[in-house]
N, C-alpha and C. Protein backbone atom coordinates (compact mmCIF):
# COMPACT_ATOMS: atom_id res chain seq x y z
N MET A 1 0.86 -1.20 0.00
CA MET A 1 0.00 0.00 0.00
C MET A 1 0.89 1.25 0.00
N SER A 2 0.62 2.15 -0.92
CA SER A 2 1.41 3.37 -1.03
C SER A 2 1.06 4.33 0.09
N TYR A 3 1.90 5.38 0.22
CA TYR A 3 1.64 6.40 1.25
C TYR A 3 0.31 7.09 0.99
N LEU A 4 0.02 7.35 -0.31
CA LEU A 4 -1.24 8.00 -0.65
C LEU A 4 -2.43 7.12 -0.27
N ASP A 5 -2.29 5.80 -0.49
CA ASP A 5 -3.37 4.87 -0.14
C ASP A 5 -3.64 4.87 1.36
N THR A 6 -2.59 5.03 2.17
CA THR A 6 -2.79 5.03 3.62
C THR A 6 -3.64 6.22 4.06
N ILE A 7 -3.65 7.28 3.23
CA ILE A 7 -4.49 8.44 3.52
C ILE A 7 -5.89 8.25 2.94
N LEU A 8 -5.96 7.78 1.69
CA LEU A 8 -7.23 7.71 0.98
C LEU A 8 -8.14 6.60 1.48
N VAL A 9 -7.56 5.42 1.73
CA VAL A 9 -8.38 4.26 2.11
C VAL A 9 -9.22 4.52 3.36
N PRO A 10 -8.64 5.04 4.45
CA PRO A 10 -9.46 5.31 5.64
C PRO A 10 -10.57 6.33 5.39
N ILE A 11 -10.28 7.35 4.55
CA ILE A 11 -11.31 8.35 4.25
C ILE A 11 -12.47 7.72 3.51
N ILE A 12 -12.16 6.94 2.47
CA ILE A 12 -13.20 6.27 1.67
C ILE A 12 -14.00 5.31 2.54
N ASN A 13 -13.30 4.53 3.35
CA ASN A 13 -13.97 3.56 4.22
C ASN A 13 -14.88 4.25 5.23
N TYR A 14 -14.41 5.37 5.78
CA TYR A 14 -15.22 6.12 6.75
C TYR A 14 -16.49 6.65 6.10
N ILE A 15 -16.35 7.20 4.90
CA ILE A 15 -17.52 7.73 4.18
C ILE A 15 -18.53 6.62 3.90
N GLU A 16 -18.04 5.51 3.36
CA GLU A 16 -18.94 4.43 2.98
C GLU A 16 -19.60 3.78 4.20
N THR A 17 -18.84 3.59 5.27
CA THR A 17 -19.39 2.99 6.49
C THR A 17 -20.46 3.90 7.11
N THR A 18 -20.17 5.19 7.15
CA THR A 18 -21.11 6.14 7.75
C THR A 18 -22.43 6.18 7.01
N ILE A 19 -22.38 6.27 5.68
CA ILE A 19 -23.61 6.33 4.90
C ILE A 19 -24.36 5.01 4.93
N THR A 20 -23.62 3.89 4.86
CA THR A 20 -24.25 2.58 4.90
C THR A 20 -25.00 2.37 6.22
N ASN A 21 -24.40 2.79 7.33
CA ASN A 21 -25.00 2.57 8.65
C ASN A 21 -26.07 3.59 9.02
N LEU A 22 -25.89 4.83 8.58
CA LEU A 22 -26.77 5.92 9.02
C LEU A 22 -27.70 6.45 7.94
N GLY A 23 -27.51 6.02 6.70
CA GLY A 23 -28.40 6.45 5.62
C GLY A 23 -28.35 7.94 5.39
N GLU A 24 -29.53 8.55 5.20
CA GLU A 24 -29.59 9.99 4.90
C GLU A 24 -28.98 10.84 6.02
N PHE A 25 -29.15 10.40 7.26
CA PHE A 25 -28.54 11.14 8.37
C PHE A 25 -27.03 11.15 8.26
N GLY A 26 -26.46 10.04 7.77
CA GLY A 26 -25.02 9.97 7.56
C GLY A 26 -24.57 10.96 6.50
N ILE A 27 -25.38 11.11 5.44
CA ILE A 27 -25.06 12.10 4.40
C ILE A 27 -25.07 13.50 4.99
N VAL A 28 -26.12 13.81 5.77
CA VAL A 28 -26.22 15.12 6.41
C VAL A 28 -24.98 15.39 7.26
N MET A 29 -24.60 14.42 8.07
CA MET A 29 -23.46 14.58 8.97
C MET A 29 -22.16 14.81 8.21
N LEU A 30 -21.91 14.00 7.18
CA LEU A 30 -20.67 14.12 6.41
C LEU A 30 -20.61 15.43 5.64
N MET A 31 -21.74 15.82 5.06
CA MET A 31 -21.76 17.07 4.29
C MET A 31 -21.65 18.29 5.22
N ALA A 32 -22.15 18.16 6.44
CA ALA A 32 -21.99 19.24 7.43
C ALA A 32 -20.52 19.41 7.78
N ILE A 33 -19.83 18.30 7.93
CA ILE A 33 -18.39 18.35 8.21
C ILE A 33 -17.67 19.05 7.06
N GLU A 34 -18.05 18.70 5.83
CA GLU A 34 -17.40 19.26 4.64
C GLU A 34 -17.61 20.77 4.56
N SER A 35 -18.74 21.26 5.05
CA SER A 35 -19.06 22.69 4.95
C SER A 35 -18.58 23.49 6.15
N ALA A 36 -17.97 22.83 7.11
CA ALA A 36 -17.50 23.51 8.32
C ALA A 36 -15.98 23.67 8.31
N ASN A 37 -15.44 24.05 7.15
CA ASN A 37 -14.01 24.30 7.01
C ASN A 37 -13.15 23.05 7.19
N ILE A 38 -13.75 21.87 6.98
CA ILE A 38 -13.01 20.61 7.08
C ILE A 38 -13.09 19.93 5.72
N PRO A 39 -11.96 19.74 5.04
CA PRO A 39 -11.99 19.24 3.66
C PRO A 39 -12.29 17.75 3.53
N LEU A 40 -13.50 17.34 3.87
CA LEU A 40 -13.98 15.99 3.62
C LEU A 40 -14.75 16.06 2.30
N PRO A 41 -14.25 15.47 1.23
CA PRO A 41 -14.77 15.77 -0.11
C PRO A 41 -16.18 15.24 -0.40
N SER A 42 -17.06 16.15 -0.77
CA SER A 42 -18.40 15.77 -1.19
C SER A 42 -18.33 14.96 -2.48
N GLU A 43 -17.23 15.11 -3.23
CA GLU A 43 -17.06 14.36 -4.48
C GLU A 43 -16.90 12.87 -4.23
N ALA A 44 -16.66 12.48 -2.99
CA ALA A 44 -16.63 11.06 -2.64
C ALA A 44 -17.88 10.67 -1.85
N ILE A 45 -18.43 11.62 -1.08
CA ILE A 45 -19.61 11.34 -0.26
C ILE A 45 -20.85 11.07 -1.12
N LEU A 46 -21.16 12.00 -2.00
CA LEU A 46 -22.42 11.94 -2.74
C LEU A 46 -22.48 10.86 -3.82
N PRO A 47 -21.39 10.59 -4.55
CA PRO A 47 -21.47 9.48 -5.50
C PRO A 47 -21.73 8.14 -4.82
N PHE A 48 -21.19 7.94 -3.63
CA PHE A 48 -21.49 6.68 -2.92
C PHE A 48 -22.95 6.64 -2.50
N ALA A 49 -23.49 7.80 -2.10
CA ALA A 49 -24.93 7.86 -1.80
C ALA A 49 -25.73 7.50 -3.05
N GLY A 50 -25.27 8.00 -4.20
CA GLY A 50 -25.93 7.66 -5.46
C GLY A 50 -25.88 6.18 -5.76
N TYR A 51 -24.78 5.55 -5.42
CA TYR A 51 -24.68 4.11 -5.59
C TYR A 51 -25.74 3.38 -4.76
N LEU A 52 -25.93 3.85 -3.52
CA LEU A 52 -26.97 3.23 -2.67
C LEU A 52 -28.36 3.51 -3.22
N VAL A 53 -28.53 4.66 -3.87
CA VAL A 53 -29.80 4.96 -4.53
C VAL A 53 -30.05 3.93 -5.63
N SER A 54 -29.03 3.61 -6.40
CA SER A 54 -29.17 2.65 -7.50
C SER A 54 -29.53 1.26 -6.99
N LYS A 55 -29.19 0.97 -5.73
CA LYS A 55 -29.54 -0.32 -5.12
C LYS A 55 -30.90 -0.29 -4.44
N GLY A 56 -31.53 0.87 -4.41
CA GLY A 56 -32.84 0.99 -3.78
C GLY A 56 -32.79 1.18 -2.28
N VAL A 57 -31.61 1.49 -1.74
CA VAL A 57 -31.46 1.66 -0.30
C VAL A 57 -32.06 2.99 0.16
N MET A 58 -31.97 4.01 -0.68
CA MET A 58 -32.55 5.32 -0.37
C MET A 58 -33.03 5.97 -1.65
N GLY A 59 -33.82 7.03 -1.52
CA GLY A 59 -34.36 7.70 -2.67
C GLY A 59 -33.41 8.74 -3.25
N PHE A 60 -33.53 8.97 -4.54
CA PHE A 60 -32.66 9.93 -5.23
C PHE A 60 -32.83 11.34 -4.66
N HIS A 61 -34.08 11.78 -4.52
CA HIS A 61 -34.34 13.12 -4.01
C HIS A 61 -33.95 13.24 -2.54
N ALA A 62 -34.20 12.18 -1.77
CA ALA A 62 -33.86 12.19 -0.35
C ALA A 62 -32.35 12.34 -0.16
N ALA A 63 -31.56 11.60 -0.95
CA ALA A 63 -30.11 11.67 -0.84
C ALA A 63 -29.60 13.06 -1.22
N SER A 64 -30.18 13.64 -2.29
CA SER A 64 -29.75 14.96 -2.75
C SER A 64 -30.11 16.05 -1.75
N PHE A 65 -31.33 15.99 -1.22
CA PHE A 65 -31.74 16.99 -0.23
C PHE A 65 -30.94 16.84 1.06
N ALA A 66 -30.61 15.61 1.42
CA ALA A 66 -29.79 15.39 2.62
C ALA A 66 -28.42 16.04 2.44
N GLY A 67 -27.86 15.94 1.23
CA GLY A 67 -26.58 16.57 0.95
C GLY A 67 -26.65 18.08 1.09
N ALA A 68 -27.70 18.69 0.52
CA ALA A 68 -27.84 20.14 0.59
C ALA A 68 -28.12 20.60 2.02
N PHE A 69 -28.95 19.86 2.73
CA PHE A 69 -29.26 20.22 4.11
C PHE A 69 -28.02 20.15 4.99
N GLY A 70 -27.20 19.12 4.76
CA GLY A 70 -25.95 18.99 5.51
C GLY A 70 -25.03 20.17 5.28
N CYS A 71 -24.99 20.66 4.04
CA CYS A 71 -24.17 21.84 3.73
C CYS A 71 -24.62 23.05 4.54
N VAL A 72 -25.93 23.22 4.63
CA VAL A 72 -26.48 24.35 5.39
C VAL A 72 -26.13 24.21 6.86
N VAL A 73 -26.31 23.02 7.41
CA VAL A 73 -26.01 22.77 8.83
C VAL A 73 -24.56 23.10 9.14
N GLY A 74 -23.64 22.65 8.30
CA GLY A 74 -22.22 22.90 8.55
C GLY A 74 -21.81 24.33 8.32
N SER A 75 -22.56 25.03 7.47
CA SER A 75 -22.22 26.41 7.14
C SER A 75 -22.56 27.39 8.26
N ILE A 76 -23.59 27.08 9.03
CA ILE A 76 -24.09 28.02 10.04
C ILE A 76 -23.04 28.36 11.11
N PRO A 77 -22.42 27.37 11.78
CA PRO A 77 -21.41 27.73 12.79
C PRO A 77 -20.22 28.46 12.19
N SER A 78 -19.83 28.08 10.98
CA SER A 78 -18.72 28.75 10.33
C SER A 78 -19.07 30.19 10.00
N TYR A 79 -20.29 30.42 9.54
CA TYR A 79 -20.76 31.78 9.23
C TYR A 79 -20.73 32.65 10.48
N TYR A 80 -21.27 32.15 11.59
CA TYR A 80 -21.33 32.95 12.81
C TYR A 80 -19.97 33.15 13.44
N LEU A 81 -19.08 32.21 13.20
CA LEU A 81 -17.70 32.36 13.67
C LEU A 81 -17.08 33.59 13.01
N GLY A 82 -17.32 33.72 11.71
CA GLY A 82 -16.83 34.88 11.00
C GLY A 82 -17.60 36.14 11.33
N TYR A 83 -18.92 36.00 11.51
CA TYR A 83 -19.78 37.17 11.78
C TYR A 83 -19.39 37.86 13.08
N PHE A 84 -19.20 37.09 14.12
CA PHE A 84 -18.89 37.69 15.43
C PHE A 84 -17.40 37.95 15.61
N GLY A 85 -16.57 37.20 14.88
CA GLY A 85 -15.13 37.41 15.00
C GLY A 85 -14.65 38.57 14.13
N GLY A 86 -15.27 38.72 12.96
CA GLY A 86 -14.91 39.80 12.06
C GLY A 86 -13.51 39.69 11.49
N ARG A 87 -13.07 40.75 10.86
CA ARG A 87 -11.73 40.77 10.26
C ARG A 87 -10.61 40.59 11.29
N PRO A 88 -10.75 41.15 12.51
CA PRO A 88 -9.70 40.90 13.51
C PRO A 88 -9.53 39.41 13.80
N PHE A 89 -10.63 38.67 13.71
CA PHE A 89 -10.57 37.22 13.93
C PHE A 89 -9.68 36.57 12.87
N VAL A 90 -9.85 36.99 11.62
CA VAL A 90 -9.04 36.44 10.54
C VAL A 90 -7.57 36.79 10.73
N GLU A 91 -7.32 38.04 11.12
CA GLU A 91 -5.94 38.48 11.32
C GLU A 91 -5.24 37.66 12.41
N LYS A 92 -6.02 37.26 13.41
CA LYS A 92 -5.42 36.54 14.53
C LYS A 92 -5.47 35.02 14.36
N TYR A 93 -6.60 34.51 13.85
CA TYR A 93 -6.78 33.06 13.79
C TYR A 93 -7.00 32.52 12.38
N GLY A 94 -6.96 33.38 11.39
CA GLY A 94 -7.26 32.95 10.02
C GLY A 94 -6.40 31.81 9.53
N LYS A 95 -5.14 31.76 9.99
CA LYS A 95 -4.25 30.70 9.53
C LYS A 95 -4.76 29.31 9.87
N TRP A 96 -5.53 29.21 10.96
CA TRP A 96 -6.06 27.90 11.35
C TRP A 96 -7.22 27.47 10.45
N PHE A 97 -7.80 28.42 9.74
CA PHE A 97 -8.91 28.13 8.83
C PHE A 97 -8.51 28.35 7.37
N LEU A 98 -7.22 28.63 7.15
CA LEU A 98 -6.68 28.86 5.82
C LEU A 98 -7.40 29.99 5.10
N VAL A 99 -7.73 31.03 5.85
CA VAL A 99 -8.39 32.20 5.29
C VAL A 99 -7.49 33.41 5.56
N SER A 100 -7.10 34.10 4.50
CA SER A 100 -6.20 35.24 4.63
C SER A 100 -6.91 36.53 4.26
N LYS A 101 -6.20 37.65 4.42
CA LYS A 101 -6.76 38.94 4.02
C LYS A 101 -7.06 38.95 2.53
N LYS A 102 -6.21 38.29 1.75
CA LYS A 102 -6.43 38.25 0.31
C LYS A 102 -7.71 37.49 -0.03
N ASP A 103 -8.03 36.48 0.78
CA ASP A 103 -9.30 35.77 0.57
C ASP A 103 -10.48 36.71 0.79
N LEU A 104 -10.38 37.52 1.83
CA LEU A 104 -11.46 38.47 2.11
C LEU A 104 -11.57 39.53 1.02
N GLU A 105 -10.43 39.95 0.52
CA GLU A 105 -10.44 40.92 -0.56
C GLU A 105 -11.09 40.32 -1.80
N MET A 106 -10.78 39.03 -2.07
CA MET A 106 -11.40 38.35 -3.20
C MET A 106 -12.90 38.20 -2.97
N ALA A 107 -13.28 37.85 -1.74
CA ALA A 107 -14.70 37.71 -1.41
C ALA A 107 -15.42 39.04 -1.56
N ASP A 108 -14.74 40.12 -1.16
CA ASP A 108 -15.29 41.47 -1.34
C ASP A 108 -15.59 41.74 -2.81
N ARG A 109 -14.61 41.40 -3.66
CA ARG A 109 -14.78 41.65 -5.09
C ARG A 109 -15.91 40.81 -5.67
N TRP A 110 -15.97 39.54 -5.24
CA TRP A 110 -17.02 38.65 -5.74
C TRP A 110 -18.41 39.15 -5.34
N THR A 111 -18.55 39.52 -4.06
CA THR A 111 -19.87 39.96 -3.60
C THR A 111 -20.24 41.31 -4.21
N GLU A 112 -19.22 42.15 -4.45
CA GLU A 112 -19.50 43.44 -5.10
C GLU A 112 -19.97 43.22 -6.54
N LYS A 113 -19.40 42.21 -7.20
CA LYS A 113 -19.73 41.95 -8.59
C LYS A 113 -21.00 41.13 -8.75
N TYR A 114 -21.15 40.10 -7.91
CA TYR A 114 -22.26 39.16 -8.07
C TYR A 114 -23.31 39.25 -6.95
N GLY A 115 -23.03 40.01 -5.91
CA GLY A 115 -23.96 40.06 -4.79
C GLY A 115 -24.02 38.72 -4.08
N ASP A 116 -25.18 38.39 -3.56
CA ASP A 116 -25.34 37.12 -2.83
C ASP A 116 -25.21 35.91 -3.74
N TRP A 117 -25.30 36.11 -5.05
CA TRP A 117 -25.12 35.00 -5.99
C TRP A 117 -23.71 34.43 -5.92
N ALA A 118 -22.78 35.21 -5.36
CA ALA A 118 -21.41 34.73 -5.21
C ALA A 118 -21.38 33.46 -4.35
N PHE A 119 -22.22 33.43 -3.32
CA PHE A 119 -22.25 32.26 -2.43
C PHE A 119 -22.88 31.07 -3.14
N PHE A 120 -23.83 31.33 -4.02
CA PHE A 120 -24.43 30.29 -4.84
C PHE A 120 -23.38 29.67 -5.75
N ILE A 121 -22.60 30.52 -6.41
CA ILE A 121 -21.57 30.04 -7.34
C ILE A 121 -20.50 29.25 -6.60
N CYS A 122 -20.05 29.78 -5.45
CA CYS A 122 -18.99 29.12 -4.70
C CYS A 122 -19.39 27.74 -4.20
N ARG A 123 -20.67 27.53 -3.98
CA ARG A 123 -21.13 26.22 -3.51
C ARG A 123 -21.01 25.14 -4.57
N MET A 124 -20.69 25.53 -5.79
CA MET A 124 -20.53 24.56 -6.86
C MET A 124 -19.09 24.50 -7.36
N LEU A 125 -18.16 25.02 -6.54
CA LEU A 125 -16.74 25.00 -6.88
C LEU A 125 -15.99 24.10 -5.90
N PRO A 126 -15.28 23.08 -6.39
CA PRO A 126 -14.51 22.21 -5.49
C PRO A 126 -13.53 23.02 -4.64
N VAL A 127 -13.29 22.54 -3.41
CA VAL A 127 -12.37 23.13 -2.43
C VAL A 127 -12.91 24.46 -1.91
N VAL A 128 -13.18 25.42 -2.81
CA VAL A 128 -13.67 26.73 -2.38
C VAL A 128 -14.96 26.60 -1.56
N ARG A 129 -15.83 25.67 -1.96
CA ARG A 129 -17.12 25.50 -1.30
C ARG A 129 -16.95 25.16 0.19
N THR A 130 -15.84 24.52 0.52
CA THR A 130 -15.61 24.11 1.91
C THR A 130 -15.35 25.30 2.83
N PHE A 131 -14.77 26.39 2.28
CA PHE A 131 -14.30 27.48 3.13
C PHE A 131 -15.08 28.79 2.98
N ILE A 132 -16.12 28.82 2.15
CA ILE A 132 -16.75 30.10 1.81
C ILE A 132 -17.59 30.68 2.96
N SER A 133 -18.06 29.87 3.87
CA SER A 133 -18.97 30.35 4.92
C SER A 133 -18.31 31.34 5.86
N LEU A 134 -17.05 31.12 6.19
CA LEU A 134 -16.35 32.02 7.12
C LEU A 134 -16.23 33.43 6.55
N PRO A 135 -15.76 33.59 5.30
CA PRO A 135 -15.74 34.94 4.72
C PRO A 135 -17.13 35.55 4.60
N ALA A 136 -18.15 34.73 4.34
CA ALA A 136 -19.51 35.25 4.24
C ALA A 136 -19.94 35.89 5.56
N GLY A 137 -19.59 35.25 6.66
CA GLY A 137 -19.91 35.81 7.97
C GLY A 137 -19.14 37.08 8.26
N ILE A 138 -17.87 37.08 7.89
CA ILE A 138 -17.03 38.26 8.13
C ILE A 138 -17.55 39.45 7.33
N LEU A 139 -18.06 39.18 6.12
CA LEU A 139 -18.60 40.24 5.28
C LEU A 139 -20.02 40.64 5.68
N LYS A 140 -20.54 40.00 6.75
CA LYS A 140 -21.88 40.31 7.25
C LYS A 140 -22.95 40.13 6.16
N ALA A 141 -22.80 39.05 5.39
CA ALA A 141 -23.79 38.75 4.37
C ALA A 141 -25.15 38.53 5.04
N ASN A 142 -26.22 38.97 4.38
CA ASN A 142 -27.56 38.77 4.92
C ASN A 142 -27.79 37.28 5.17
N PHE A 143 -28.08 36.92 6.43
CA PHE A 143 -28.13 35.51 6.81
C PHE A 143 -29.19 34.71 6.06
N PRO A 144 -30.46 35.17 6.00
CA PRO A 144 -31.46 34.39 5.26
C PRO A 144 -31.09 34.16 3.80
N ARG A 145 -30.55 35.20 3.15
CA ARG A 145 -30.15 35.05 1.75
C ARG A 145 -28.94 34.13 1.62
N PHE A 146 -28.02 34.24 2.58
CA PHE A 146 -26.85 33.34 2.58
C PHE A 146 -27.30 31.89 2.68
N ILE A 147 -28.23 31.62 3.59
CA ILE A 147 -28.74 30.26 3.75
C ILE A 147 -29.46 29.80 2.48
N PHE A 148 -30.27 30.69 1.89
CA PHE A 148 -31.01 30.34 0.67
C PHE A 148 -30.05 29.98 -0.46
N PHE A 149 -29.05 30.81 -0.70
CA PHE A 149 -28.12 30.56 -1.80
C PHE A 149 -27.20 29.39 -1.50
N THR A 150 -26.87 29.20 -0.23
CA THR A 150 -26.09 28.03 0.15
C THR A 150 -26.87 26.75 -0.16
N PHE A 151 -28.14 26.73 0.23
CA PHE A 151 -28.97 25.55 -0.01
C PHE A 151 -29.17 25.33 -1.51
N LEU A 152 -29.45 26.40 -2.24
CA LEU A 152 -29.72 26.26 -3.67
C LEU A 152 -28.49 25.75 -4.43
N GLY A 153 -27.34 26.36 -4.20
CA GLY A 153 -26.12 25.91 -4.86
C GLY A 153 -25.74 24.50 -4.46
N SER A 154 -25.90 24.19 -3.18
CA SER A 154 -25.56 22.86 -2.67
C SER A 154 -26.52 21.80 -3.20
N LEU A 155 -27.78 22.18 -3.41
CA LEU A 155 -28.76 21.23 -3.93
C LEU A 155 -28.41 20.82 -5.36
N ILE A 156 -28.04 21.80 -6.17
CA ILE A 156 -27.64 21.50 -7.55
C ILE A 156 -26.40 20.61 -7.55
N TRP A 157 -25.44 20.98 -6.73
CA TRP A 157 -24.20 20.20 -6.59
C TRP A 157 -24.51 18.77 -6.14
N SER A 158 -25.41 18.64 -5.17
CA SER A 158 -25.76 17.32 -4.64
C SER A 158 -26.47 16.47 -5.68
N TYR A 159 -27.42 17.05 -6.38
CA TYR A 159 -28.13 16.30 -7.42
C TYR A 159 -27.15 15.79 -8.48
N LEU A 160 -26.22 16.64 -8.87
CA LEU A 160 -25.25 16.25 -9.90
C LEU A 160 -24.39 15.08 -9.45
N LEU A 161 -23.85 15.15 -8.23
CA LEU A 161 -22.94 14.10 -7.77
C LEU A 161 -23.68 12.82 -7.41
N VAL A 162 -24.89 12.95 -6.87
CA VAL A 162 -25.69 11.75 -6.60
C VAL A 162 -26.03 11.05 -7.92
N TYR A 163 -26.35 11.83 -8.93
CA TYR A 163 -26.67 11.27 -10.25
C TYR A 163 -25.47 10.51 -10.82
N VAL A 164 -24.27 11.07 -10.64
CA VAL A 164 -23.06 10.39 -11.09
C VAL A 164 -22.95 9.03 -10.40
N GLY A 165 -23.23 9.01 -9.09
CA GLY A 165 -23.17 7.76 -8.34
C GLY A 165 -24.22 6.76 -8.79
N VAL A 166 -25.42 7.25 -9.12
CA VAL A 166 -26.48 6.38 -9.62
C VAL A 166 -26.04 5.69 -10.91
N LYS A 167 -25.50 6.48 -11.83
CA LYS A 167 -25.07 5.93 -13.11
C LYS A 167 -23.94 4.93 -12.95
N LEU A 168 -23.02 5.23 -12.05
CA LEU A 168 -21.95 4.27 -11.78
C LEU A 168 -22.51 3.00 -11.15
N GLY A 169 -23.48 3.18 -10.25
CA GLY A 169 -24.09 2.04 -9.58
C GLY A 169 -24.85 1.13 -10.53
N GLU A 170 -25.50 1.73 -11.53
CA GLU A 170 -26.25 0.95 -12.51
C GLU A 170 -25.34 0.06 -13.35
N HIS A 171 -24.07 0.43 -13.41
CA HIS A 171 -23.10 -0.35 -14.17
C HIS A 171 -22.02 -0.91 -13.24
N ARG A 172 -22.45 -1.21 -12.02
CA ARG A 172 -21.49 -1.64 -10.99
C ARG A 172 -20.73 -2.90 -11.41
N GLU A 173 -21.44 -3.86 -12.00
CA GLU A 173 -20.75 -5.10 -12.37
C GLU A 173 -19.69 -4.84 -13.42
N THR A 174 -20.02 -4.00 -14.37
CA THR A 174 -19.06 -3.67 -15.43
C THR A 174 -17.89 -2.86 -14.87
N LEU A 175 -18.22 -1.98 -13.92
CA LEU A 175 -17.21 -1.05 -13.41
C LEU A 175 -16.63 -1.47 -12.06
N SER A 176 -16.98 -2.68 -11.60
CA SER A 176 -16.57 -3.08 -10.25
C SER A 176 -15.06 -3.02 -10.05
N ALA A 177 -14.31 -3.31 -11.11
CA ALA A 177 -12.85 -3.32 -10.99
C ALA A 177 -12.29 -1.92 -10.77
N ILE A 178 -13.04 -0.89 -11.19
CA ILE A 178 -12.50 0.47 -11.06
C ILE A 178 -13.30 1.31 -10.07
N TRP A 179 -14.31 0.71 -9.38
CA TRP A 179 -15.17 1.51 -8.49
C TRP A 179 -14.34 2.23 -7.43
N HIS A 180 -13.54 1.47 -6.68
CA HIS A 180 -12.74 2.11 -5.63
C HIS A 180 -11.61 2.94 -6.21
N LYS A 181 -11.12 2.56 -7.37
CA LYS A 181 -10.11 3.38 -8.02
C LYS A 181 -10.70 4.74 -8.37
N PHE A 182 -11.97 4.74 -8.76
CA PHE A 182 -12.65 6.00 -9.05
C PHE A 182 -12.73 6.85 -7.78
N ASP A 183 -13.14 6.23 -6.68
CA ASP A 183 -13.21 6.94 -5.39
C ASP A 183 -11.84 7.48 -5.00
N TYR A 184 -10.83 6.63 -5.11
CA TYR A 184 -9.48 7.05 -4.72
C TYR A 184 -9.00 8.20 -5.61
N ALA A 185 -9.32 8.11 -6.91
CA ALA A 185 -8.90 9.17 -7.83
C ALA A 185 -9.54 10.50 -7.45
N ILE A 186 -10.84 10.46 -7.13
CA ILE A 186 -11.56 11.68 -6.75
C ILE A 186 -10.93 12.29 -5.51
N VAL A 187 -10.77 11.48 -4.48
CA VAL A 187 -10.21 11.98 -3.22
C VAL A 187 -8.77 12.41 -3.42
N GLY A 188 -8.03 11.67 -4.26
CA GLY A 188 -6.64 12.03 -4.52
C GLY A 188 -6.52 13.39 -5.19
N VAL A 189 -7.36 13.64 -6.19
CA VAL A 189 -7.35 14.93 -6.88
C VAL A 189 -7.71 16.05 -5.91
N LEU A 190 -8.74 15.80 -5.08
CA LEU A 190 -9.15 16.81 -4.09
C LEU A 190 -8.05 17.06 -3.09
N LEU A 191 -7.33 16.01 -2.71
CA LEU A 191 -6.23 16.15 -1.77
C LEU A 191 -5.12 17.01 -2.37
N ILE A 192 -4.82 16.77 -3.65
CA ILE A 192 -3.79 17.57 -4.33
C ILE A 192 -4.22 19.02 -4.41
N LEU A 193 -5.49 19.26 -4.79
CA LEU A 193 -6.00 20.63 -4.85
C LEU A 193 -5.94 21.30 -3.48
N PHE A 194 -6.24 20.52 -2.43
CA PHE A 194 -6.20 21.06 -1.07
C PHE A 194 -4.77 21.43 -0.68
N ILE A 195 -3.81 20.58 -1.06
CA ILE A 195 -2.41 20.87 -0.75
C ILE A 195 -1.96 22.15 -1.45
N ILE A 196 -2.36 22.28 -2.72
CA ILE A 196 -2.03 23.51 -3.46
C ILE A 196 -2.66 24.71 -2.77
N TYR A 197 -3.92 24.54 -2.35
CA TYR A 197 -4.64 25.60 -1.64
C TYR A 197 -3.90 25.99 -0.36
N VAL A 198 -3.46 24.99 0.38
CA VAL A 198 -2.76 25.24 1.65
C VAL A 198 -1.44 25.98 1.39
N LYS A 199 -0.67 25.51 0.42
CA LYS A 199 0.62 26.13 0.13
C LYS A 199 0.44 27.59 -0.28
N ARG A 200 -0.56 27.84 -1.12
CA ARG A 200 -0.82 29.21 -1.57
C ARG A 200 -1.23 30.09 -0.41
N HIS A 201 -2.03 29.51 0.49
CA HIS A 201 -2.53 30.31 1.61
C HIS A 201 -1.48 30.53 2.69
N ILE A 202 -0.58 29.58 2.85
CA ILE A 202 0.52 29.79 3.79
C ILE A 202 1.35 30.98 3.34
N LYS A 203 1.57 31.08 2.02
CA LYS A 203 2.31 32.22 1.47
C LYS A 203 1.55 33.51 1.73
N HIS A 204 0.23 33.49 1.49
CA HIS A 204 -0.59 34.69 1.70
C HIS A 204 -0.63 35.08 3.17
N LEU A 205 -0.71 34.08 4.03
CA LEU A 205 -0.80 34.36 5.47
C LEU A 205 0.49 34.97 6.00
N LYS A 206 1.62 34.54 5.43
CA LYS A 206 2.89 35.12 5.82
C LYS A 206 2.99 36.57 5.38
N GLU A 207 2.33 36.85 4.23
CA GLU A 207 2.35 38.22 3.70
C GLU A 207 1.39 39.13 4.42
N SER A 208 0.40 38.52 5.14
CA SER A 208 -0.65 39.32 5.81
C SER A 208 -0.08 40.05 7.02
């Protein structure tokens, strides 16, 4: 087993075990973790939920709504952390959440250009979707609209990834040899993107 496998295998196993044992509640819990500044990839969570949908274990709409609801649940504490901490919070503790002044400046530009739709767009972007709630709180985004756009963007994202899992599940026998390789590839790519994100932000944080 390679070094990368020692990281990926436990993550994949944890995701699959949680959803298998807890069903829709497991999806909510995992997606909440992903939205609370913890990079647990929805790109691995939701396709496996879709696979269970293809087996008749849960409904397609139920799995997708559970994913979106979990995103909202995880976003709320992160939003309020930023809301009450403000920019001084980022200056003092931002490094622990990989959020720098440059991130806030970018968020400022996005919200100035797109308004609350910026949060909708970010919910459909890998990696960025995990960390957007903290800047939203710091920018004092309107909470009801933030929740609405978070749910809407996350719902589209969830439907898409659950659908991918359904299609893979329908061809499970044909694709059985590459099923876990697909999961590992997804998590591996997300891990690489996260590492790039971390390196870039460490540089920004040093400059802050």
